[in-house]
Amino acid sequence: MFFGITGSTILGSYPLPTFEFHTIHLLIGALLGVLSAFVLIGFALISKVVAAAFERISNPLVRGSIGGALVGLIACALPLTATGGSSQLATELQISAALGAGFVAAILIAKMFAVALSQSSGFLGGLVFPMIFIGGTAGLLVHTLFPDIPVALCVGAMLAAVPGAYLTAPIAMVLIAFGTVGISPEAMVPIGLAVVTANITVSLVRVFALQERTPE
């Protein structure tokens, strides 16, 4: 479907240096999965706050105008947050050496707000590609903070695990990471573990949240 609409594929979109797989990467993959779950939860909280604010605006034209203006301002301040994020993530990874951790964190948070504003103010569009961008950016942030962790593992795992934390398609997300980042076949194991761990973590958080809301 993506090829039919755009005339291109996402294969090889984010080529990163390959790394030699070690057993420790399984633990790192699991930890990245837990972190991905909390990135998704953070985005959900931002979306909830933004949606609550826009619910106060009854006129859809005013709601759309305000949302569009705010998204535009974010894109002007941080152009890497614009559009769905596919080409922007590729650019971000290409110039990653020149980006500091603070700037990458700013892009990550700003993108969450931009997506939340778009969804809450009535603009059309899905969440898969923006969440891939958010996951990839979060992975780049982890690598920037902990450069000893291979960038392909950080980006590949979180690129798959952040959207994989709410999508019931773990195999598809691992294959997307494999095809876009260009990782070696054995590296799919920690990335798959990250997706599963992220999904389990989000499910556990939901269970605990429901238990707290249920009266005794």
N, C-alpha and C. Protein backbone atom coordinates (compact mmCIF):
# COMPACT_ATOMS: atom_id res chain seq x y z
N MET A 1 0.83 -1.21 0.00
CA MET A 1 0.00 0.00 0.00
C MET A 1 0.87 1.26 0.00
N PHE A 2 1.93 1.23 0.83
CA PHE A 2 2.83 2.39 0.88
C PHE A 2 3.46 2.65 -0.48
N PHE A 3 3.90 1.56 -1.15
CA PHE A 3 4.52 1.72 -2.47
C PHE A 3 3.50 2.22 -3.48
N GLY A 4 2.27 1.72 -3.41
CA GLY A 4 1.24 2.15 -4.35
C GLY A 4 0.90 3.62 -4.22
N ILE A 5 0.98 4.15 -2.99
CA ILE A 5 0.63 5.55 -2.76
C ILE A 5 1.79 6.48 -3.06
N THR A 6 2.99 6.11 -2.60
CA THR A 6 4.14 7.00 -2.69
C THR A 6 5.06 6.71 -3.87
N GLY A 7 4.98 5.49 -4.41
CA GLY A 7 5.88 5.11 -5.50
C GLY A 7 7.27 4.75 -5.03
N SER A 8 7.45 4.60 -3.73
CA SER A 8 8.75 4.24 -3.18
C SER A 8 8.55 3.30 -2.01
N THR A 9 9.63 2.69 -1.55
CA THR A 9 9.56 1.82 -0.38
C THR A 9 10.36 2.45 0.75
N ILE A 10 10.24 1.89 1.95
CA ILE A 10 11.00 2.41 3.08
C ILE A 10 12.24 1.54 3.35
N LEU A 11 12.48 0.58 2.47
CA LEU A 11 13.64 -0.30 2.65
C LEU A 11 14.93 0.50 2.53
N GLY A 12 15.82 0.32 3.49
CA GLY A 12 17.10 1.01 3.46
C GLY A 12 17.01 2.49 3.72
N SER A 13 15.92 2.95 4.32
CA SER A 13 15.75 4.38 4.55
C SER A 13 16.73 4.93 5.57
N TYR A 14 17.10 4.10 6.53
CA TYR A 14 17.96 4.57 7.63
C TYR A 14 19.19 3.67 7.78
N PRO A 15 20.07 3.63 6.79
CA PRO A 15 21.24 2.75 6.89
C PRO A 15 22.17 3.19 8.01
N LEU A 16 22.48 2.28 8.92
CA LEU A 16 23.34 2.57 10.06
C LEU A 16 24.45 1.54 10.13
N PRO A 17 25.56 1.87 10.79
CA PRO A 17 26.67 0.90 10.88
C PRO A 17 26.23 -0.40 11.54
N THR A 18 26.61 -1.50 10.94
CA THR A 18 26.28 -2.80 11.53
C THR A 18 27.11 -3.02 12.79
N PHE A 19 26.68 -3.93 13.62
CA PHE A 19 27.41 -4.24 14.84
C PHE A 19 27.44 -5.74 15.05
N GLU A 20 28.44 -6.19 15.77
CA GLU A 20 28.57 -7.61 16.06
C GLU A 20 27.69 -7.97 17.25
N PHE A 21 26.85 -8.96 17.07
CA PHE A 21 25.91 -9.34 18.13
C PHE A 21 26.64 -10.03 19.29
N HIS A 22 26.29 -9.60 20.51
CA HIS A 22 26.78 -10.23 21.73
C HIS A 22 25.59 -10.53 22.63
N THR A 23 25.78 -11.48 23.52
CA THR A 23 24.68 -11.89 24.40
C THR A 23 24.14 -10.73 25.22
N ILE A 24 25.01 -9.80 25.62
CA ILE A 24 24.58 -8.66 26.42
C ILE A 24 23.54 -7.82 25.70
N HIS A 25 23.51 -7.90 24.37
CA HIS A 25 22.55 -7.13 23.60
C HIS A 25 21.11 -7.59 23.87
N LEU A 26 20.95 -8.82 24.33
CA LEU A 26 19.60 -9.27 24.70
C LEU A 26 19.07 -8.48 25.88
N LEU A 27 19.93 -8.28 26.88
CA LEU A 27 19.53 -7.47 28.03
C LEU A 27 19.28 -6.03 27.62
N ILE A 28 20.16 -5.51 26.78
CA ILE A 28 19.99 -4.13 26.31
C ILE A 28 18.68 -4.00 25.54
N GLY A 29 18.37 -5.00 24.70
CA GLY A 29 17.11 -4.97 23.95
C GLY A 29 15.91 -4.94 24.87
N ALA A 30 15.95 -5.75 25.93
CA ALA A 30 14.83 -5.76 26.88
C ALA A 30 14.69 -4.41 27.58
N LEU A 31 15.81 -3.82 27.98
CA LEU A 31 15.77 -2.51 28.63
C LEU A 31 15.27 -1.42 27.68
N LEU A 32 15.69 -1.50 26.43
CA LEU A 32 15.19 -0.54 25.43
C LEU A 32 13.69 -0.71 25.22
N GLY A 33 13.21 -1.95 25.34
CA GLY A 33 11.78 -2.18 25.23
C GLY A 33 11.01 -1.53 26.36
N VAL A 34 11.52 -1.66 27.58
CA VAL A 34 10.88 -1.01 28.73
C VAL A 34 10.89 0.51 28.54
N LEU A 35 12.02 1.04 28.11
CA LEU A 35 12.12 2.48 27.88
C LEU A 35 11.15 2.92 26.79
N SER A 36 11.01 2.10 25.74
CA SER A 36 10.07 2.42 24.66
C SER A 36 8.65 2.50 25.17
N ALA A 37 8.30 1.61 26.10
CA ALA A 37 6.97 1.63 26.68
C ALA A 37 6.71 2.94 27.40
N PHE A 38 7.71 3.43 28.13
CA PHE A 38 7.52 4.68 28.87
C PHE A 38 7.54 5.90 27.93
N VAL A 39 8.24 5.79 26.81
CA VAL A 39 8.15 6.84 25.79
C VAL A 39 6.72 6.92 25.26
N LEU A 40 6.13 5.76 24.98
CA LEU A 40 4.76 5.72 24.49
C LEU A 40 3.79 6.24 25.55
N ILE A 41 4.01 5.87 26.81
CA ILE A 41 3.14 6.35 27.88
C ILE A 41 3.26 7.88 28.01
N GLY A 42 4.48 8.39 27.88
CA GLY A 42 4.67 9.84 27.90
C GLY A 42 3.91 10.52 26.79
N PHE A 43 3.96 9.93 25.59
CA PHE A 43 3.20 10.50 24.47
C PHE A 43 1.70 10.43 24.74
N ALA A 44 1.24 9.34 25.35
CA ALA A 44 -0.18 9.20 25.66
C ALA A 44 -0.63 10.27 26.66
N LEU A 45 0.21 10.58 27.63
CA LEU A 45 -0.12 11.61 28.61
C LEU A 45 -0.18 12.99 27.95
N ILE A 46 0.80 13.26 27.07
CA ILE A 46 0.78 14.53 26.34
C ILE A 46 -0.48 14.64 25.49
N SER A 47 -0.83 13.55 24.81
CA SER A 47 -2.03 13.55 23.97
C SER A 47 -3.29 13.78 24.80
N LYS A 48 -3.33 13.20 25.99
CA LYS A 48 -4.49 13.36 26.86
C LYS A 48 -4.66 14.81 27.30
N VAL A 49 -3.56 15.44 27.66
CA VAL A 49 -3.61 16.85 28.09
C VAL A 49 -4.02 17.74 26.92
N VAL A 50 -3.42 17.53 25.76
CA VAL A 50 -3.74 18.34 24.58
C VAL A 50 -5.19 18.14 24.16
N ALA A 51 -5.65 16.89 24.17
CA ALA A 51 -7.04 16.61 23.79
C ALA A 51 -8.01 17.27 24.76
N ALA A 52 -7.70 17.25 26.05
CA ALA A 52 -8.57 17.90 27.04
C ALA A 52 -8.66 19.40 26.80
N ALA A 53 -7.54 20.00 26.40
CA ALA A 53 -7.53 21.44 26.12
C ALA A 53 -8.37 21.77 24.89
N PHE A 54 -8.27 20.94 23.85
CA PHE A 54 -9.00 21.23 22.61
C PHE A 54 -10.48 20.87 22.72
N GLU A 55 -10.85 20.04 23.67
CA GLU A 55 -12.26 19.74 23.87
C GLU A 55 -13.04 20.96 24.34
N ARG A 56 -12.34 21.93 24.89
CA ARG A 56 -12.97 23.16 25.34
C ARG A 56 -13.33 24.08 24.18
N ILE A 57 -12.78 23.79 23.00
CA ILE A 57 -13.06 24.62 21.81
C ILE A 57 -14.12 23.91 21.00
N SER A 58 -15.31 24.45 20.99
CA SER A 58 -16.44 23.78 20.33
C SER A 58 -16.44 23.95 18.82
N ASN A 59 -15.95 25.07 18.34
CA ASN A 59 -15.96 25.34 16.90
C ASN A 59 -14.82 24.59 16.21
N PRO A 60 -15.13 23.67 15.29
CA PRO A 60 -14.07 22.88 14.65
C PRO A 60 -13.13 23.72 13.79
N LEU A 61 -13.63 24.83 13.21
CA LEU A 61 -12.75 25.68 12.41
C LEU A 61 -11.73 26.39 13.28
N VAL A 62 -12.18 26.86 14.42
CA VAL A 62 -11.25 27.50 15.36
C VAL A 62 -10.25 26.47 15.89
N ARG A 63 -10.76 25.28 16.20
CA ARG A 63 -9.90 24.21 16.72
C ARG A 63 -8.83 23.85 15.69
N GLY A 64 -9.23 23.71 14.44
CA GLY A 64 -8.28 23.37 13.39
C GLY A 64 -7.28 24.48 13.13
N SER A 65 -7.76 25.73 13.19
CA SER A 65 -6.86 26.87 12.95
C SER A 65 -5.80 26.98 14.04
N ILE A 66 -6.23 26.82 15.28
CA ILE A 66 -5.27 26.91 16.39
C ILE A 66 -4.29 25.74 16.32
N GLY A 67 -4.82 24.54 16.08
CA GLY A 67 -3.94 23.38 16.00
C GLY A 67 -2.94 23.50 14.87
N GLY A 68 -3.42 23.94 13.70
CA GLY A 68 -2.53 24.10 12.56
C GLY A 68 -1.46 25.15 12.80
N ALA A 69 -1.85 26.24 13.44
CA ALA A 69 -0.88 27.31 13.73
C ALA A 69 0.20 26.82 14.69
N LEU A 70 -0.21 26.08 15.72
CA LEU A 70 0.76 25.59 16.69
C LEU A 70 1.70 24.56 16.07
N VAL A 71 1.15 23.66 15.24
CA VAL A 71 2.00 22.68 14.56
C VAL A 71 2.98 23.38 13.63
N GLY A 72 2.49 24.42 12.94
CA GLY A 72 3.36 25.19 12.06
C GLY A 72 4.49 25.90 12.81
N LEU A 73 4.17 26.44 13.97
CA LEU A 73 5.19 27.10 14.78
C LEU A 73 6.26 26.10 15.24
N ILE A 74 5.81 24.91 15.64
CA ILE A 74 6.76 23.87 16.05
C ILE A 74 7.66 23.49 14.87
N ALA A 75 7.07 23.34 13.68
CA ALA A 75 7.84 22.96 12.50
C ALA A 75 8.83 24.05 12.11
N CYS A 76 8.44 25.31 12.30
CA CYS A 76 9.37 26.41 11.99
C CYS A 76 10.54 26.42 12.96
N ALA A 77 10.25 26.17 14.24
CA ALA A 77 11.31 26.17 15.25
C ALA A 77 12.21 24.95 15.11
N LEU A 78 11.61 23.80 14.82
CA LEU A 78 12.35 22.54 14.70
C LEU A 78 11.88 21.82 13.44
N PRO A 79 12.46 22.13 12.28
CA PRO A 79 11.98 21.55 11.01
C PRO A 79 11.99 20.03 10.97
N LEU A 80 12.81 19.39 11.78
CA LEU A 80 12.85 17.92 11.77
C LEU A 80 11.58 17.30 12.33
N THR A 81 10.71 18.10 12.92
CA THR A 81 9.44 17.58 13.43
C THR A 81 8.33 17.63 12.38
N ALA A 82 8.60 18.15 11.20
CA ALA A 82 7.55 18.33 10.19
C ALA A 82 7.15 17.01 9.54
N THR A 83 5.94 16.98 9.04
CA THR A 83 5.33 15.87 8.27
C THR A 83 5.36 14.56 9.04
N GLY A 84 5.26 13.45 8.30
CA GLY A 84 5.20 12.15 8.95
C GLY A 84 6.50 11.73 9.62
N GLY A 85 7.61 12.25 9.13
CA GLY A 85 8.88 12.01 9.79
C GLY A 85 9.82 11.04 9.11
N SER A 86 9.43 10.42 8.00
CA SER A 86 10.29 9.41 7.37
C SER A 86 11.60 10.02 6.87
N SER A 87 11.51 11.06 6.03
CA SER A 87 12.73 11.69 5.52
C SER A 87 13.44 12.47 6.61
N GLN A 88 12.67 13.00 7.56
CA GLN A 88 13.27 13.77 8.65
C GLN A 88 14.13 12.88 9.55
N LEU A 89 13.67 11.66 9.80
CA LEU A 89 14.46 10.74 10.61
C LEU A 89 15.75 10.38 9.90
N ALA A 90 15.67 10.19 8.58
CA ALA A 90 16.89 9.89 7.81
C ALA A 90 17.89 11.04 7.92
N THR A 91 17.39 12.28 7.80
CA THR A 91 18.27 13.45 7.95
C THR A 91 18.86 13.53 9.34
N GLU A 92 18.02 13.26 10.33
CA GLU A 92 18.45 13.31 11.72
C GLU A 92 19.59 12.33 11.98
N LEU A 93 19.48 11.14 11.44
CA LEU A 93 20.52 10.13 11.64
C LEU A 93 21.79 10.48 10.88
N GLN A 94 21.65 11.13 9.72
CA GLN A 94 22.83 11.51 8.94
C GLN A 94 23.65 12.57 9.63
N ILE A 95 22.99 13.49 10.33
CA ILE A 95 23.70 14.60 10.99
C ILE A 95 23.77 14.39 12.49
N SER A 96 23.59 13.16 12.95
CA SER A 96 23.51 12.89 14.38
C SER A 96 24.78 13.32 15.12
N ALA A 97 25.94 13.27 14.44
CA ALA A 97 27.19 13.65 15.11
C ALA A 97 27.20 15.11 15.51
N ALA A 98 26.42 15.92 14.80
CA ALA A 98 26.39 17.35 15.10
C ALA A 98 25.28 17.72 16.08
N LEU A 99 24.46 16.75 16.46
CA LEU A 99 23.34 17.02 17.36
C LEU A 99 23.70 16.61 18.78
N GLY A 100 23.43 17.45 19.72
CA GLY A 100 23.64 17.11 21.11
C GLY A 100 22.42 16.43 21.70
N ALA A 101 22.59 15.86 22.88
CA ALA A 101 21.48 15.15 23.52
C ALA A 101 20.31 16.09 23.81
N GLY A 102 20.61 17.32 24.21
CA GLY A 102 19.53 18.28 24.50
C GLY A 102 18.70 18.59 23.27
N PHE A 103 19.37 18.75 22.12
CA PHE A 103 18.65 19.07 20.90
C PHE A 103 17.79 17.89 20.44
N VAL A 104 18.35 16.68 20.54
CA VAL A 104 17.58 15.49 20.16
C VAL A 104 16.37 15.33 21.08
N ALA A 105 16.55 15.58 22.37
CA ALA A 105 15.43 15.50 23.31
C ALA A 105 14.36 16.53 22.98
N ALA A 106 14.79 17.73 22.56
CA ALA A 106 13.83 18.77 22.18
C ALA A 106 13.02 18.34 20.96
N ILE A 107 13.70 17.72 19.99
CA ILE A 107 12.99 17.23 18.80
C ILE A 107 11.98 16.16 19.20
N LEU A 108 12.39 15.26 20.08
CA LEU A 108 11.51 14.17 20.51
C LEU A 108 10.25 14.71 21.18
N ILE A 109 10.41 15.62 22.13
CA ILE A 109 9.26 16.17 22.85
C ILE A 109 8.39 17.02 21.93
N ALA A 110 9.03 17.82 21.08
CA ALA A 110 8.28 18.68 20.17
C ALA A 110 7.45 17.85 19.19
N LYS A 111 8.01 16.73 18.72
CA LYS A 111 7.27 15.86 17.79
C LYS A 111 6.06 15.26 18.49
N MET A 112 6.20 14.87 19.75
CA MET A 112 5.06 14.34 20.49
C MET A 112 3.94 15.38 20.56
N PHE A 113 4.30 16.62 20.86
CA PHE A 113 3.29 17.67 20.94
C PHE A 113 2.68 17.95 19.56
N ALA A 114 3.50 17.94 18.52
CA ALA A 114 2.99 18.20 17.16
C ALA A 114 1.99 17.14 16.74
N VAL A 115 2.31 15.88 17.01
CA VAL A 115 1.38 14.79 16.66
C VAL A 115 0.11 14.89 17.49
N ALA A 116 0.25 15.17 18.78
CA ALA A 116 -0.92 15.29 19.65
C ALA A 116 -1.81 16.45 19.21
N LEU A 117 -1.20 17.57 18.83
CA LEU A 117 -1.96 18.72 18.35
C LEU A 117 -2.70 18.38 17.05
N SER A 118 -2.03 17.70 16.15
CA SER A 118 -2.66 17.33 14.88
C SER A 118 -3.86 16.41 15.12
N GLN A 119 -3.69 15.42 15.99
CA GLN A 119 -4.76 14.48 16.25
C GLN A 119 -5.93 15.15 16.96
N SER A 120 -5.65 16.06 17.87
CA SER A 120 -6.70 16.68 18.68
C SER A 120 -7.44 17.80 17.96
N SER A 121 -6.81 18.40 16.96
CA SER A 121 -7.44 19.53 16.29
C SER A 121 -8.13 19.15 14.99
N GLY A 122 -8.19 17.85 14.68
CA GLY A 122 -9.01 17.40 13.56
C GLY A 122 -8.29 17.10 12.28
N PHE A 123 -6.96 17.12 12.27
CA PHE A 123 -6.24 16.82 11.04
C PHE A 123 -6.20 15.31 10.80
N LEU A 124 -6.24 14.94 9.53
CA LEU A 124 -6.26 13.53 9.16
C LEU A 124 -4.84 12.98 9.13
N GLY A 125 -4.73 11.70 9.41
CA GLY A 125 -3.42 11.05 9.35
C GLY A 125 -3.29 10.01 10.44
N GLY A 126 -2.49 9.00 10.15
CA GLY A 126 -2.30 7.92 11.12
C GLY A 126 -1.13 8.19 12.05
N LEU A 127 -0.87 7.22 12.91
CA LEU A 127 0.17 7.36 13.93
C LEU A 127 1.41 6.51 13.68
N VAL A 128 1.34 5.58 12.72
CA VAL A 128 2.43 4.62 12.58
C VAL A 128 3.74 5.31 12.23
N PHE A 129 3.77 6.10 11.17
CA PHE A 129 5.02 6.74 10.76
C PHE A 129 5.50 7.78 11.76
N PRO A 130 4.61 8.62 12.33
CA PRO A 130 5.08 9.51 13.40
C PRO A 130 5.66 8.76 14.59
N MET A 131 5.06 7.60 14.93
CA MET A 131 5.58 6.84 16.07
C MET A 131 6.91 6.18 15.72
N ILE A 132 7.11 5.82 14.46
CA ILE A 132 8.42 5.30 14.04
C ILE A 132 9.47 6.40 14.20
N PHE A 133 9.10 7.63 13.83
CA PHE A 133 10.02 8.76 14.00
C PHE A 133 10.33 8.97 15.47
N ILE A 134 9.29 8.96 16.30
CA ILE A 134 9.48 9.16 17.74
C ILE A 134 10.38 8.06 18.32
N GLY A 135 10.11 6.82 17.91
CA GLY A 135 10.93 5.72 18.40
C GLY A 135 12.37 5.82 17.94
N GLY A 136 12.58 6.14 16.66
CA GLY A 136 13.93 6.29 16.14
C GLY A 136 14.68 7.43 16.80
N THR A 137 13.98 8.53 17.05
CA THR A 137 14.61 9.67 17.71
C THR A 137 14.95 9.33 19.16
N ALA A 138 14.06 8.63 19.84
CA ALA A 138 14.35 8.19 21.20
C ALA A 138 15.56 7.27 21.23
N GLY A 139 15.67 6.39 20.25
CA GLY A 139 16.84 5.51 20.16
C GLY A 139 18.12 6.29 19.92
N LEU A 140 18.04 7.31 19.07
CA LEU A 140 19.21 8.16 18.83
C LEU A 140 19.61 8.89 20.11
N LEU A 141 18.61 9.31 20.88
CA LEU A 141 18.90 9.98 22.15
C LEU A 141 19.62 9.04 23.11
N VAL A 142 19.17 7.79 23.17
CA VAL A 142 19.84 6.81 24.03
C VAL A 142 21.29 6.61 23.60
N HIS A 143 21.51 6.50 22.29
CA HIS A 143 22.88 6.32 21.80
C HIS A 143 23.72 7.55 22.09
N THR A 144 23.14 8.73 21.99
CA THR A 144 23.88 9.96 22.28
C THR A 144 24.31 10.01 23.74
N LEU A 145 23.43 9.52 24.62
CA LEU A 145 23.75 9.50 26.05
C LEU A 145 24.67 8.36 26.42
N PHE A 146 24.53 7.23 25.71
CA PHE A 146 25.34 6.04 25.98
C PHE A 146 25.97 5.56 24.67
N PRO A 147 27.01 6.23 24.22
CA PRO A 147 27.59 5.93 22.89
C PRO A 147 28.17 4.53 22.76
N ASP A 148 28.39 3.83 23.86
CA ASP A 148 28.92 2.46 23.76
C ASP A 148 27.86 1.48 23.24
N ILE A 149 26.60 1.85 23.34
CA ILE A 149 25.54 1.00 22.79
C ILE A 149 25.46 1.28 21.29
N PRO A 150 25.53 0.28 20.44
CA PRO A 150 25.50 0.51 18.98
C PRO A 150 24.27 1.30 18.56
N VAL A 151 24.50 2.27 17.70
CA VAL A 151 23.40 3.13 17.27
C VAL A 151 22.33 2.33 16.52
N ALA A 152 22.75 1.33 15.74
CA ALA A 152 21.77 0.52 15.01
C ALA A 152 20.87 -0.26 15.96
N LEU A 153 21.43 -0.70 17.08
CA LEU A 153 20.62 -1.41 18.07
C LEU A 153 19.65 -0.46 18.75
N CYS A 154 20.13 0.71 19.17
CA CYS A 154 19.27 1.69 19.84
C CYS A 154 18.13 2.12 18.93
N VAL A 155 18.49 2.57 17.74
CA VAL A 155 17.48 3.10 16.81
C VAL A 155 16.57 1.98 16.32
N GLY A 156 17.16 0.85 15.92
CA GLY A 156 16.35 -0.25 15.40
C GLY A 156 15.37 -0.78 16.43
N ALA A 157 15.83 -0.94 17.68
CA ALA A 157 14.96 -1.48 18.73
C ALA A 157 13.83 -0.53 19.07
N MET A 158 14.15 0.75 19.27
CA MET A 158 13.11 1.69 19.69
C MET A 158 12.23 2.12 18.53
N LEU A 159 12.79 2.15 17.33
CA LEU A 159 11.98 2.42 16.13
C LEU A 159 10.86 1.39 16.00
N ALA A 160 11.16 0.15 16.37
CA ALA A 160 10.16 -0.92 16.29
C ALA A 160 9.32 -1.01 17.55
N ALA A 161 9.94 -0.77 18.72
CA ALA A 161 9.27 -1.05 19.98
C ALA A 161 8.27 0.04 20.39
N VAL A 162 8.54 1.30 20.05
CA VAL A 162 7.58 2.35 20.43
C VAL A 162 6.24 2.15 19.75
N PRO A 163 6.17 2.03 18.41
CA PRO A 163 4.87 1.70 17.82
C PRO A 163 4.41 0.29 18.16
N GLY A 164 5.39 -0.62 18.35
CA GLY A 164 5.05 -2.00 18.69
C GLY A 164 4.46 -2.15 20.07
N ALA A 165 4.61 -1.13 20.92
CA ALA A 165 4.07 -1.19 22.27
C ALA A 165 2.55 -1.13 22.28
N TYR A 166 1.96 -0.60 21.20
CA TYR A 166 0.49 -0.55 21.15
C TYR A 166 -0.09 -1.26 19.94
N LEU A 167 0.74 -1.58 18.96
CA LEU A 167 0.26 -2.33 17.80
C LEU A 167 0.44 -3.83 18.06
N THR A 168 -0.55 -4.60 17.75
CA THR A 168 -0.44 -6.06 17.93
C THR A 168 0.14 -6.69 16.66
N ALA A 169 1.30 -6.20 16.27
CA ALA A 169 1.97 -6.71 15.06
C ALA A 169 3.47 -6.72 15.29
N PRO A 170 3.94 -7.50 16.27
CA PRO A 170 5.37 -7.48 16.61
C PRO A 170 6.28 -7.92 15.47
N ILE A 171 5.87 -8.95 14.73
CA ILE A 171 6.71 -9.44 13.64
C ILE A 171 6.86 -8.37 12.57
N ALA A 172 5.77 -7.68 12.26
CA ALA A 172 5.81 -6.62 11.24
C ALA A 172 6.76 -5.51 11.66
N MET A 173 6.73 -5.12 12.94
CA MET A 173 7.60 -4.04 13.41
C MET A 173 9.07 -4.45 13.38
N VAL A 174 9.36 -5.70 13.71
CA VAL A 174 10.74 -6.18 13.64
C VAL A 174 11.22 -6.19 12.19
N LEU A 175 10.36 -6.61 11.28
CA LEU A 175 10.73 -6.62 9.87
C LEU A 175 10.94 -5.21 9.33
N ILE A 176 10.14 -4.25 9.81
CA ILE A 176 10.33 -2.86 9.40
C ILE A 176 11.69 -2.36 9.86
N ALA A 177 12.04 -2.68 11.12
CA ALA A 177 13.36 -2.29 11.62
C ALA A 177 14.46 -2.95 10.81
N PHE A 178 14.28 -4.23 10.50
CA PHE A 178 15.28 -4.97 9.73
C PHE A 178 15.45 -4.36 8.34
N GLY A 179 14.33 -4.00 7.71
CA GLY A 179 14.40 -3.49 6.35
C GLY A 179 14.84 -2.05 6.23
N THR A 180 14.54 -1.23 7.24
CA THR A 180 14.87 0.19 7.14
C THR A 180 16.25 0.52 7.68
N VAL A 181 16.66 -0.15 8.76
CA VAL A 181 17.95 0.14 9.38
C VAL A 181 19.08 -0.67 8.74
N GLY A 182 18.75 -1.82 8.19
CA GLY A 182 19.76 -2.65 7.56
C GLY A 182 20.62 -3.41 8.55
N ILE A 183 20.01 -3.92 9.61
CA ILE A 183 20.73 -4.67 10.63
C ILE A 183 20.98 -6.09 10.17
N SER A 184 21.90 -6.76 10.84
CA SER A 184 22.19 -8.15 10.52
C SER A 184 21.08 -9.04 11.05
N PRO A 185 20.89 -10.24 10.49
CA PRO A 185 19.79 -11.11 10.93
C PRO A 185 19.81 -11.43 12.41
N GLU A 186 21.01 -11.65 13.00
CA GLU A 186 21.04 -11.98 14.43
C GLU A 186 20.64 -10.81 15.31
N ALA A 187 20.77 -9.59 14.78
CA ALA A 187 20.37 -8.41 15.56
C ALA A 187 18.85 -8.29 15.68
N MET A 188 18.13 -9.08 14.88
CA MET A 188 16.68 -9.07 14.98
C MET A 188 16.20 -9.64 16.32
N VAL A 189 17.04 -10.46 16.95
CA VAL A 189 16.63 -11.09 18.22
C VAL A 189 16.45 -10.06 19.32
N PRO A 190 17.46 -9.20 19.63
CA PRO A 190 17.23 -8.19 20.67
C PRO A 190 16.17 -7.17 20.30
N ILE A 191 16.02 -6.89 19.00
CA ILE A 191 14.98 -5.95 18.58
C ILE A 191 13.60 -6.58 18.78
N GLY A 192 13.48 -7.85 18.45
CA GLY A 192 12.22 -8.54 18.72
C GLY A 192 11.91 -8.60 20.20
N LEU A 193 12.95 -8.80 21.00
CA LEU A 193 12.78 -8.82 22.46
C LEU A 193 12.33 -7.45 22.95
N ALA A 194 12.85 -6.38 22.36
CA ALA A 194 12.45 -5.02 22.73
C ALA A 194 10.97 -4.79 22.44
N VAL A 195 10.50 -5.26 21.30
CA VAL A 195 9.09 -5.08 20.94
C VAL A 195 8.19 -5.83 21.92
N VAL A 196 8.54 -7.08 22.21
CA VAL A 196 7.73 -7.88 23.14
C VAL A 196 7.74 -7.27 24.54
N THR A 197 8.92 -6.85 25.00
CA THR A 197 9.04 -6.25 26.32
C THR A 197 8.23 -4.96 26.43
N ALA A 198 8.28 -4.15 25.37
CA ALA A 198 7.51 -2.90 25.36
C ALA A 198 6.01 -3.18 25.46
N ASN A 199 5.56 -4.16 24.69
CA ASN A 199 4.14 -4.50 24.70
C ASN A 199 3.70 -5.03 26.05
N ILE A 200 4.52 -5.86 26.66
CA ILE A 200 4.19 -6.41 27.98
C ILE A 200 4.18 -5.30 29.03
N THR A 201 5.15 -4.40 28.96
CA THR A 201 5.22 -3.31 29.93
C THR A 201 4.00 -2.41 29.86
N VAL A 202 3.58 -2.05 28.65
CA VAL A 202 2.38 -1.22 28.50
C VAL A 202 1.15 -1.95 29.02
N SER A 203 1.06 -3.25 28.74
CA SER A 203 -0.08 -4.03 29.22
C SER A 203 -0.12 -4.07 30.74
N LEU A 204 1.05 -4.23 31.38
CA LEU A 204 1.10 -4.26 32.84
C LEU A 204 0.70 -2.91 33.43
N VAL A 205 1.17 -1.83 32.81
CA VAL A 205 0.80 -0.49 33.29
C VAL A 205 -0.71 -0.29 33.18
N ARG A 206 -1.30 -0.76 32.10
CA ARG A 206 -2.76 -0.65 31.95
C ARG A 206 -3.49 -1.44 33.03
N VAL A 207 -2.99 -2.63 33.33
CA VAL A 207 -3.62 -3.46 34.37
C VAL A 207 -3.56 -2.75 35.72
N PHE A 208 -2.39 -2.22 36.06
CA PHE A 208 -2.24 -1.52 37.34
C PHE A 208 -3.12 -0.28 37.39
N ALA A 209 -3.23 0.42 36.26
CA ALA A 209 -4.07 1.61 36.22
C ALA A 209 -5.54 1.27 36.42
N LEU A 210 -5.99 0.16 35.82
CA LEU A 210 -7.37 -0.28 35.99
C LEU A 210 -7.64 -0.71 37.43
N GLN A 211 -6.66 -1.36 38.05
CA GLN A 211 -6.83 -1.78 39.42
C GLN A 211 -6.96 -0.60 40.37
N GLU A 212 -6.22 0.46 40.09
CA GLU A 212 -6.30 1.64 40.94
C GLU A 212 -7.64 2.37 40.78
N ARG A 213 -8.22 2.29 39.56
CA ARG A 213 -9.50 2.96 39.33
C ARG A 213 -10.68 2.15 39.85
N THR A 214 -10.50 0.84 39.96
CA THR A 214 -11.61 -0.02 40.40
C THR A 214 -11.82 0.14 41.90
N PRO A 215 -13.01 0.52 42.34
CA PRO A 215 -13.26 0.66 43.79
C PRO A 215 -13.26 -0.69 44.47
N GLU A 216 -12.75 -0.71 45.69
CA GLU A 216 -12.70 -1.96 46.45
C GLU A 216 -14.08 -2.32 47.02
